[in-house]
């Protein structure tokens, strides 16, 4: 089923999760409009901004994890989840 792009199931799951997050955040933004807030960075951010910061930071965490040769990779997911919780709480 995924042969047309030589994707693996983890890759498809990853991009599917991002698509679901974008749809969910769009629905939340329409249903519950939010006013920007200033966190520890002293810049105004919305839920969408914090999602972007989380996704970007998670990409760097995973690249660093791979670059340092740390095993196993799923521990990087745990670090990313802690990072995401911190971004949504304090940024």
PDB file of N, CA and C in Angstrom:
ATOM      1  N   UNK A   1       0.822  -1.195   0.000  1.00  0.00           N
ATOM      2  CA  UNK A   1       0.000   0.000   0.000  1.00  0.00           C
ATOM      3  C   UNK A   1       0.866   1.259   0.000  1.00  0.00           C
ATOM      4  N   UNK A   2       1.970   1.240   0.706  1.00  0.00           N
ATOM      5  CA  UNK A   2       2.835   2.407   0.763  1.00  0.00           C
ATOM      6  C   UNK A   2       3.989   2.318  -0.226  1.00  0.00           C
ATOM      7  N   UNK A   3       3.942   1.365  -1.145  1.00  0.00           N
ATOM      8  CA  UNK A   3       5.055   1.135  -2.067  1.00  0.00           C
ATOM      9  C   UNK A   3       5.257   2.265  -3.067  1.00  0.00           C
ATOM     10  N   UNK A   4       4.231   3.031  -3.352  1.00  0.00           N
ATOM     11  CA  UNK A   4       4.352   4.053  -4.384  1.00  0.00           C
ATOM     12  C   UNK A   4       5.376   5.116  -4.020  1.00  0.00           C
ATOM     13  N   UNK A   5       5.695   5.286  -2.731  1.00  0.00           N
ATOM     14  CA  UNK A   5       6.706   6.247  -2.324  1.00  0.00           C
ATOM     15  C   UNK A   5       7.775   5.604  -1.466  1.00  0.00           C
ATOM     16  N   UNK A   6       7.752   4.298  -1.350  1.00  0.00           N
ATOM     17  CA  UNK A   6       8.709   3.552  -0.536  1.00  0.00           C
ATOM     18  C   UNK A   6       8.692   4.036   0.908  1.00  0.00           C
ATOM     19  N   UNK A   7       7.522   4.375   1.414  1.00  0.00           N
ATOM     20  CA  UNK A   7       7.383   4.791   2.796  1.00  0.00           C
ATOM     21  C   UNK A   7       7.305   3.573   3.699  1.00  0.00           C
ATOM     22  N   UNK A   8       7.720   3.767   4.911  1.00  0.00           N
ATOM     23  CA  UNK A   8       7.529   2.727   5.923  1.00  0.00           C
ATOM     24  C   UNK A   8       6.320   3.121   6.762  1.00  0.00           C
ATOM     25  N   UNK A   9       5.800   2.178   7.517  1.00  0.00           N
ATOM     26  CA  UNK A   9       4.656   2.483   8.368  1.00  0.00           C
ATOM     27  C   UNK A   9       4.986   3.544   9.420  1.00  0.00           C
ATOM     28  N   UNK A  10       6.165   3.521  10.043  1.00  0.00           N
ATOM     29  CA  UNK A  10       6.474   4.605  10.992  1.00  0.00           C
ATOM     30  C   UNK A  10       6.485   5.983  10.333  1.00  0.00           C
ATOM     31  N   UNK A  11       6.985   6.071   9.097  1.00  0.00           N
ATOM     32  CA  UNK A  11       7.007   7.355   8.396  1.00  0.00           C
ATOM     33  C   UNK A  11       5.585   7.819   8.095  1.00  0.00           C
ATOM     34  N   UNK A  12       4.758   6.919   7.619  1.00  0.00           N
ATOM     35  CA  UNK A  12       3.368   7.264   7.323  1.00  0.00           C
ATOM     36  C   UNK A  12       2.625   7.664   8.594  1.00  0.00           C
ATOM     37  N   UNK A  13       2.895   6.974   9.692  1.00  0.00           N
ATOM     38  CA  UNK A  13       2.267   7.314  10.970  1.00  0.00           C
ATOM     39  C   UNK A  13       2.697   8.700  11.430  1.00  0.00           C
ATOM     40  N   UNK A  14       3.983   9.002  11.271  1.00  0.00           N
ATOM     41  CA  UNK A  14       4.509  10.312  11.655  1.00  0.00           C
ATOM     42  C   UNK A  14       3.793  11.436  10.908  1.00  0.00           C
ATOM     43  N   UNK A  15       3.734  11.349   9.591  1.00  0.00           N
ATOM     44  CA  UNK A  15       3.097  12.401   8.810  1.00  0.00           C
ATOM     45  C   UNK A  15       1.585  12.424   9.008  1.00  0.00           C
ATOM     46  N   UNK A  16       0.993  11.264   9.224  1.00  0.00           N
ATOM     47  CA  UNK A  16      -0.435  11.211   9.530  1.00  0.00           C
ATOM     48  C   UNK A  16      -0.753  11.902  10.849  1.00  0.00           C
ATOM     49  N   UNK A  17       0.117  11.718  11.839  1.00  0.00           N
ATOM     50  CA  UNK A  17      -0.064  12.366  13.134  1.00  0.00           C
ATOM     51  C   UNK A  17       0.026  13.879  12.998  1.00  0.00           C
ATOM     52  N   UNK A  18       0.982  14.357  12.225  1.00  0.00           N
ATOM     53  CA  UNK A  18       1.095  15.804  12.009  1.00  0.00           C
ATOM     54  C   UNK A  18      -0.155  16.337  11.309  1.00  0.00           C
ATOM     55  N   UNK A  19      -0.669  15.609  10.324  1.00  0.00           N
ATOM     56  CA  UNK A  19      -1.888  16.036   9.638  1.00  0.00           C
ATOM     57  C   UNK A  19      -3.066  16.097  10.608  1.00  0.00           C
ATOM     58  N   UNK A  20      -3.203  15.091  11.471  1.00  0.00           N
ATOM     59  CA  UNK A  20      -4.289  15.087  12.455  1.00  0.00           C
ATOM     60  C   UNK A  20      -4.132  16.253  13.432  1.00  0.00           C
ATOM     61  N   UNK A  21      -2.898  16.538  13.859  1.00  0.00           N
ATOM     62  CA  UNK A  21      -2.658  17.670  14.755  1.00  0.00           C
ATOM     63  C   UNK A  21      -3.054  18.992  14.100  1.00  0.00           C
ATOM     64  N   UNK A  22      -2.709  19.160  12.842  1.00  0.00           N
ATOM     65  CA  UNK A  22      -3.067  20.400  12.140  1.00  0.00           C
ATOM     66  C   UNK A  22      -4.579  20.549  12.020  1.00  0.00           C
ATOM     67  N   UNK A  23      -5.266  19.468  11.722  1.00  0.00           N
ATOM     68  CA  UNK A  23      -6.731  19.513  11.630  1.00  0.00           C
ATOM     69  C   UNK A  23      -7.333  19.818  12.991  1.00  0.00           C
ATOM     70  N   UNK A  24      -6.823  19.150  14.033  1.00  0.00           N
ATOM     71  CA  UNK A  24      -7.327  19.370  15.389  1.00  0.00           C
ATOM     72  C   UNK A  24      -7.114  20.813  15.834  1.00  0.00           C
ATOM     73  N   UNK A  25      -5.946  21.363  15.573  1.00  0.00           N
ATOM     74  CA  UNK A  25      -5.673  22.733  15.984  1.00  0.00           C
ATOM     75  C   UNK A  25      -6.487  23.734  15.171  1.00  0.00           C
ATOM     76  N   UNK A  26      -6.800  23.411  13.939  1.00  0.00           N
ATOM     77  CA  UNK A  26      -7.674  24.274  13.141  1.00  0.00           C
ATOM     78  C   UNK A  26      -9.084  24.292  13.727  1.00  0.00           C
ATOM     79  N   UNK A  27      -9.577  23.125  14.096  1.00  0.00           N
ATOM     80  CA  UNK A  27     -10.910  23.043  14.703  1.00  0.00           C
ATOM     81  C   UNK A  27     -10.930  23.797  16.035  1.00  0.00           C
ATOM     82  N   UNK A  28      -9.890  23.609  16.854  1.00  0.00           N
ATOM     83  CA  UNK A  28      -9.817  24.319  18.136  1.00  0.00           C
ATOM     84  C   UNK A  28      -9.780  25.830  17.939  1.00  0.00           C
ATOM     85  N   UNK A  29      -9.033  26.289  16.938  1.00  0.00           N
ATOM     86  CA  UNK A  29      -8.932  27.727  16.686  1.00  0.00           C
ATOM     87  C   UNK A  29     -10.275  28.304  16.249  1.00  0.00           C
ATOM     88  N   UNK A  30     -11.032  27.541  15.484  1.00  0.00           N
ATOM     89  CA  UNK A  30     -12.342  28.027  15.023  1.00  0.00           C
ATOM     90  C   UNK A  30     -13.368  27.993  16.152  1.00  0.00           C
ATOM     91  N   UNK A  31     -13.321  26.942  16.951  1.00  0.00           N
ATOM     92  CA  UNK A  31     -14.318  26.784  18.010  1.00  0.00           C
ATOM     93  C   UNK A  31     -14.003  27.617  19.245  1.00  0.00           C
ATOM     94  N   UNK A  32     -12.732  27.664  19.625  1.00  0.00           N
ATOM     95  CA  UNK A  32     -12.306  28.397  20.819  1.00  0.00           C
ATOM     96  C   UNK A  32     -11.208  29.391  20.444  1.00  0.00           C
ATOM     97  N   UNK A  33     -11.589  30.549  19.911  1.00  0.00           N
ATOM     98  CA  UNK A  33     -10.577  31.544  19.544  1.00  0.00           C
ATOM     99  C   UNK A  33      -9.727  31.911  20.766  1.00  0.00           C
ATOM    100  N   UNK A  34      -8.464  32.145  20.499  1.00  0.00           N
ATOM    101  CA  UNK A  34      -7.530  32.404  21.588  1.00  0.00           C
ATOM    102  C   UNK A  34      -6.855  33.751  21.395  1.00  0.00           C
ATOM    103  N   UNK A  35      -6.629  34.438  22.492  1.00  0.00           N
ATOM    104  CA  UNK A  35      -5.838  35.654  22.433  1.00  0.00           C
ATOM    105  C   UNK A  35      -4.385  35.267  22.699  1.00  0.00           C
ATOM    106  N   UNK A  36      -3.464  35.876  21.982  1.00  0.00           N
ATOM    107  CA  UNK A  36      -2.054  35.539  22.192  1.00  0.00           C
ATOM    108  C   UNK A  36      -1.623  35.820  23.630  1.00  0.00           C
ATOM    109  N   UNK A  37      -0.679  35.035  24.114  1.00  0.00           N
ATOM    110  CA  UNK A  37      -0.130  35.249  25.455  1.00  0.00           C
ATOM    111  C   UNK A  37       1.386  35.290  25.374  1.00  0.00           C
ATOM    112  N   UNK A  38       1.988  35.989  26.312  1.00  0.00           N
ATOM    113  CA  UNK A  38       3.448  36.090  26.365  1.00  0.00           C
ATOM    114  C   UNK A  38       3.961  35.135  27.435  1.00  0.00           C
ATOM    115  N   UNK A  39       4.910  34.304  27.061  1.00  0.00           N
ATOM    116  CA  UNK A  39       5.490  33.348  27.997  1.00  0.00           C
ATOM    117  C   UNK A  39       6.899  33.736  28.366  1.00  0.00           C
ATOM    118  N   UNK A  40       7.733  32.735  28.631  1.00  0.00           N
ATOM    119  CA  UNK A  40       9.097  32.993  29.075  1.00  0.00           C
ATOM    120  C   UNK A  40       9.950  33.634  27.982  1.00  0.00           C
ATOM    121  N   UNK A  41       9.576  33.469  26.733  1.00  0.00           N
ATOM    122  CA  UNK A  41      10.333  34.086  25.642  1.00  0.00           C
ATOM    123  C   UNK A  41       9.981  35.551  25.447  1.00  0.00           C
ATOM    124  N   UNK A  42       8.938  36.012  26.141  1.00  0.00           N
ATOM    125  CA  UNK A  42       8.463  37.386  26.057  1.00  0.00           C
ATOM    126  C   UNK A  42       7.986  37.770  24.656  1.00  0.00           C
ATOM    127  N   UNK A  43       7.502  36.784  23.924  1.00  0.00           N
ATOM    128  CA  UNK A  43       6.850  37.045  22.643  1.00  0.00           C
ATOM    129  C   UNK A  43       5.436  36.490  22.735  1.00  0.00           C
ATOM    130  N   UNK A  44       4.529  37.100  22.020  1.00  0.00           N
ATOM    131  CA  UNK A  44       3.152  36.619  22.034  1.00  0.00           C
ATOM    132  C   UNK A  44       3.025  35.392  21.145  1.00  0.00           C
ATOM    133  N   UNK A  45       2.433  34.331  21.691  1.00  0.00           N
ATOM    134  CA  UNK A  45       2.232  33.104  20.923  1.00  0.00           C
ATOM    135  C   UNK A  45       0.801  32.617  21.093  1.00  0.00           C
ATOM    136  N   UNK A  46       0.333  31.908  20.076  1.00  0.00           N
ATOM    137  CA  UNK A  46      -0.967  31.245  20.129  1.00  0.00           C
ATOM    138  C   UNK A  46      -0.713  29.739  20.152  1.00  0.00           C
ATOM    139  N   UNK A  47      -1.790  28.958  20.220  1.00  0.00           N
ATOM    140  CA  UNK A  47      -1.641  27.491  20.191  1.00  0.00           C
ATOM    141  C   UNK A  47      -0.896  27.043  18.946  1.00  0.00           C
ATOM    142  N   UNK A  48      -1.217  27.634  17.815  1.00  0.00           N
ATOM    143  CA  UNK A  48      -0.560  27.256  16.565  1.00  0.00           C
ATOM    144  C   UNK A  48       0.926  27.567  16.578  1.00  0.00           C
ATOM    145  N   UNK A  49       1.283  28.719  17.140  1.00  0.00           N
ATOM    146  CA  UNK A  49       2.697  29.075  17.264  1.00  0.00           C
ATOM    147  C   UNK A  49       3.433  28.065  18.137  1.00  0.00           C
ATOM    148  N   UNK A  50       2.799  27.705  19.251  1.00  0.00           N
ATOM    149  CA  UNK A  50       3.434  26.745  20.158  1.00  0.00           C
ATOM    150  C   UNK A  50       3.540  25.367  19.519  1.00  0.00           C
ATOM    151  N   UNK A  51       2.559  24.998  18.697  1.00  0.00           N
ATOM    152  CA  UNK A  51       2.659  23.729  17.972  1.00  0.00           C
ATOM    153  C   UNK A  51       3.835  23.761  17.009  1.00  0.00           C
ATOM    154  N   UNK A  52       3.995  24.855  16.290  1.00  0.00           N
ATOM    155  CA  UNK A  52       5.110  24.987  15.355  1.00  0.00           C
ATOM    156  C   UNK A  52       6.447  24.912  16.083  1.00  0.00           C
ATOM    157  N   UNK A  53       6.571  25.631  17.203  1.00  0.00           N
ATOM    158  CA  UNK A  53       7.801  25.600  17.993  1.00  0.00           C
ATOM    159  C   UNK A  53       8.073  24.175  18.482  1.00  0.00           C
ATOM    160  N   UNK A  54       7.028  23.484  18.895  1.00  0.00           N
ATOM    161  CA  UNK A  54       7.172  22.106  19.366  1.00  0.00           C
ATOM    162  C   UNK A  54       7.640  21.180  18.247  1.00  0.00           C
ATOM    163  N   UNK A  55       7.030  21.277  17.077  1.00  0.00           N
ATOM    164  CA  UNK A  55       7.416  20.409  15.955  1.00  0.00           C
ATOM    165  C   UNK A  55       8.843  20.692  15.502  1.00  0.00           C
ATOM    166  N   UNK A  56       9.201  21.958  15.435  1.00  0.00           N
ATOM    167  CA  UNK A  56      10.553  22.323  15.027  1.00  0.00           C
ATOM    168  C   UNK A  56      11.585  21.836  16.050  1.00  0.00           C
ATOM    169  N   UNK A  57      11.315  22.084  17.317  1.00  0.00           N
ATOM    170  CA  UNK A  57      12.222  21.628  18.374  1.00  0.00           C
ATOM    171  C   UNK A  57      12.334  20.114  18.419  1.00  0.00           C
ATOM    172  N   UNK A  58      11.227  19.419  18.199  1.00  0.00           N
ATOM    173  CA  UNK A  58      11.241  17.954  18.200  1.00  0.00           C
ATOM    174  C   UNK A  58      12.082  17.416  17.046  1.00  0.00           C
ATOM    175  N   UNK A  59      12.027  18.086  15.912  1.00  0.00           N
ATOM    176  CA  UNK A  59      12.861  17.669  14.786  1.00  0.00           C
ATOM    177  C   UNK A  59      14.338  17.788  15.147  1.00  0.00           C
ATOM    178  N   UNK A  60      14.713  18.892  15.781  1.00  0.00           N
ATOM    179  CA  UNK A  60      16.106  19.070  16.192  1.00  0.00           C
ATOM    180  C   UNK A  60      16.514  18.062  17.261  1.00  0.00           C
ATOM    181  N   UNK A  61      15.621  17.775  18.209  1.00  0.00           N
ATOM    182  CA  UNK A  61      15.922  16.774  19.235  1.00  0.00           C
ATOM    183  C   UNK A  61      16.210  15.430  18.584  1.00  0.00           C
ATOM    184  N   UNK A  62      15.379  15.039  17.615  1.00  0.00           N
ATOM    185  CA  UNK A  62      15.583  13.757  16.942  1.00  0.00           C
ATOM    186  C   UNK A  62      16.858  13.737  16.106  1.00  0.00           C
ATOM    187  N   UNK A  63      17.158  14.845  15.435  1.00  0.00           N
ATOM    188  CA  UNK A  63      18.397  14.902  14.653  1.00  0.00           C
ATOM    189  C   UNK A  63      19.629  14.817  15.550  1.00  0.00           C
ATOM    190  N   UNK A  64      19.590  15.515  16.671  1.00  0.00           N
ATOM    191  CA  UNK A  64      20.709  15.442  17.610  1.00  0.00           C
ATOM    192  C   UNK A  64      20.837  14.037  18.176  1.00  0.00           C
ATOM    193  N   UNK A  65      19.706  13.428  18.492  1.00  0.00           N
ATOM    194  CA  UNK A  65      19.701  12.057  19.024  1.00  0.00           C
ATOM    195  C   UNK A  65      20.364  11.103  18.030  1.00  0.00           C
ATOM    196  N   UNK A  66      19.987  11.241  16.760  1.00  0.00           N
ATOM    197  CA  UNK A  66      20.582  10.393  15.719  1.00  0.00           C
ATOM    198  C   UNK A  66      22.060  10.721  15.526  1.00  0.00           C
ATOM    199  N   UNK A  67      22.397  12.002  15.537  1.00  0.00           N
ATOM    200  CA  UNK A  67      23.777  12.423  15.324  1.00  0.00           C
ATOM    201  C   UNK A  67      24.720  11.937  16.410  1.00  0.00           C
ATOM    202  N   UNK A  68      24.220  11.878  17.639  1.00  0.00           N
ATOM    203  CA  UNK A  68      25.049  11.401  18.741  1.00  0.00           C
ATOM    204  C   UNK A  68      25.068   9.875  18.829  1.00  0.00           C
ATOM    205  N   UNK A  69      24.246   9.237  18.021  1.00  0.00           N
ATOM    206  CA  UNK A  69      24.213   7.773  17.998  1.00  0.00           C
ATOM    207  C   UNK A  69      23.603   7.154  19.240  1.00  0.00           C
ATOM    208  N   UNK A  70      22.701   7.887  19.870  1.00  0.00           N
ATOM    209  CA  UNK A  70      22.058   7.372  21.075  1.00  0.00           C
ATOM    210  C   UNK A  70      21.020   6.327  20.683  1.00  0.00           C
ATOM    211  N   UNK A  71      20.926   5.293  21.464  1.00  0.00           N
ATOM    212  CA  UNK A  71      19.979   4.213  21.191  1.00  0.00           C
ATOM    213  C   UNK A  71      19.095   4.007  22.397  1.00  0.00           C
ATOM    214  N   UNK A  72      17.936   3.516  22.306  1.00  0.00           N
ATOM    215  CA  UNK A  72      17.078   3.423  21.132  1.00  0.00           C
ATOM    216  C   UNK A  72      16.381   4.757  20.846  1.00  0.00           C
ATOM    217  N   UNK A  73      15.900   4.876  19.640  1.00  0.00           N
ATOM    218  CA  UNK A  73      15.327   6.138  19.169  1.00  0.00           C
ATOM    219  C   UNK A  73      14.028   6.507  19.885  1.00  0.00           C
ATOM    220  N   UNK A  74      13.294   5.524  20.385  1.00  0.00           N
ATOM    221  CA  UNK A  74      12.016   5.876  21.000  1.00  0.00           C
ATOM    222  C   UNK A  74      12.194   6.701  22.272  1.00  0.00           C
ATOM    223  N   UNK A  75      13.387   6.700  22.864  1.00  0.00           N
ATOM    224  CA  UNK A  75      13.625   7.581  24.016  1.00  0.00           C
ATOM    225  C   UNK A  75      13.627   9.050  23.585  1.00  0.00           C
ATOM    226  N   UNK A  76      13.960   9.303  22.340  1.00  0.00           N
ATOM    227  CA  UNK A  76      13.878  10.672  21.823  1.00  0.00           C
ATOM    228  C   UNK A  76      12.426  11.138  21.817  1.00  0.00           C
ATOM    229  N   UNK A  77      11.498  10.205  21.570  1.00  0.00           N
ATOM    230  CA  UNK A  77      10.074  10.545  21.619  1.00  0.00           C
ATOM    231  C   UNK A  77       9.679  10.994  23.018  1.00  0.00           C
ATOM    232  N   UNK A  78      10.197  10.311  24.024  1.00  0.00           N
ATOM    233  CA  UNK A  78       9.902  10.689  25.411  1.00  0.00           C
ATOM    234  C   UNK A  78      10.428  12.104  25.685  1.00  0.00           C
ATOM    235  N   UNK A  79      11.652  12.380  25.235  1.00  0.00           N
ATOM    236  CA  UNK A  79      12.227  13.718  25.402  1.00  0.00           C
ATOM    237  C   UNK A  79      11.361  14.746  24.669  1.00  0.00           C
ATOM    238  N   UNK A  80      10.902  14.411  23.468  1.00  0.00           N
ATOM    239  CA  UNK A  80      10.061  15.336  22.688  1.00  0.00           C
ATOM    240  C   UNK A  80       8.732  15.602  23.389  1.00  0.00           C
ATOM    241  N   UNK A  81       8.149  14.596  24.002  1.00  0.00           N
ATOM    242  CA  UNK A  81       6.884  14.792  24.710  1.00  0.00           C
ATOM    243  C   UNK A  81       7.062  15.699  25.925  1.00  0.00           C
ATOM    244  N   UNK A  82       8.166  15.534  26.643  1.00  0.00           N
ATOM    245  CA  UNK A  82       8.460  16.426  27.769  1.00  0.00           C
ATOM    246  C   UNK A  82       8.682  17.845  27.254  1.00  0.00           C
ATOM    247  N   UNK A  83       9.426  17.969  26.158  1.00  0.00           N
ATOM    248  CA  UNK A  83       9.662  19.279  25.538  1.00  0.00           C
ATOM    249  C   UNK A  83       8.336  19.924  25.111  1.00  0.00           C
ATOM    250  N   UNK A  84       7.444  19.135  24.509  1.00  0.00           N
ATOM    251  CA  UNK A  84       6.146  19.668  24.067  1.00  0.00           C
ATOM    252  C   UNK A  84       5.326  20.156  25.251  1.00  0.00           C
ATOM    253  N   UNK A  85       5.311  19.400  26.325  1.00  0.00           N
ATOM    254  CA  UNK A  85       4.573  19.813  27.521  1.00  0.00           C
ATOM    255  C   UNK A  85       5.140  21.135  28.056  1.00  0.00           C
ATOM    256  N   UNK A  86       6.467  21.264  28.059  1.00  0.00           N
ATOM    257  CA  UNK A  86       7.085  22.497  28.549  1.00  0.00           C
ATOM    258  C   UNK A  86       6.753  23.678  27.644  1.00  0.00           C
ATOM    259  N   UNK A  87       6.783  23.476  26.335  1.00  0.00           N
ATOM    260  CA  UNK A  87       6.475  24.574  25.400  1.00  0.00           C
ATOM    261  C   UNK A  87       5.026  25.032  25.587  1.00  0.00           C
ATOM    262  N   UNK A  88       4.096  24.085  25.668  1.00  0.00           N
ATOM    263  CA  UNK A  88       2.690  24.478  25.786  1.00  0.00           C
ATOM    264  C   UNK A  88       2.378  25.074  27.149  1.00  0.00           C
ATOM    265  N   UNK A  89       3.189  24.769  28.143  1.00  0.00           N
ATOM    266  CA  UNK A  89       2.952  25.321  29.477  1.00  0.00           C
ATOM    267  C   UNK A  89       3.585  26.706  29.655  1.00  0.00           C
ATOM    268  N   UNK A  90       4.824  26.869  29.205  1.00  0.00           N
ATOM    269  CA  UNK A  90       5.573  28.079  29.561  1.00  0.00           C
ATOM    270  C   UNK A  90       5.913  29.019  28.406  1.00  0.00           C
ATOM    271  N   UNK A  91       5.723  28.632  27.173  1.00  0.00           N
ATOM    272  CA  UNK A  91       6.113  29.527  26.076  1.00  0.00           C
ATOM    273  C   UNK A  91       4.908  30.335  25.633  1.00  0.00           C
TER     274      UNK A  91
END
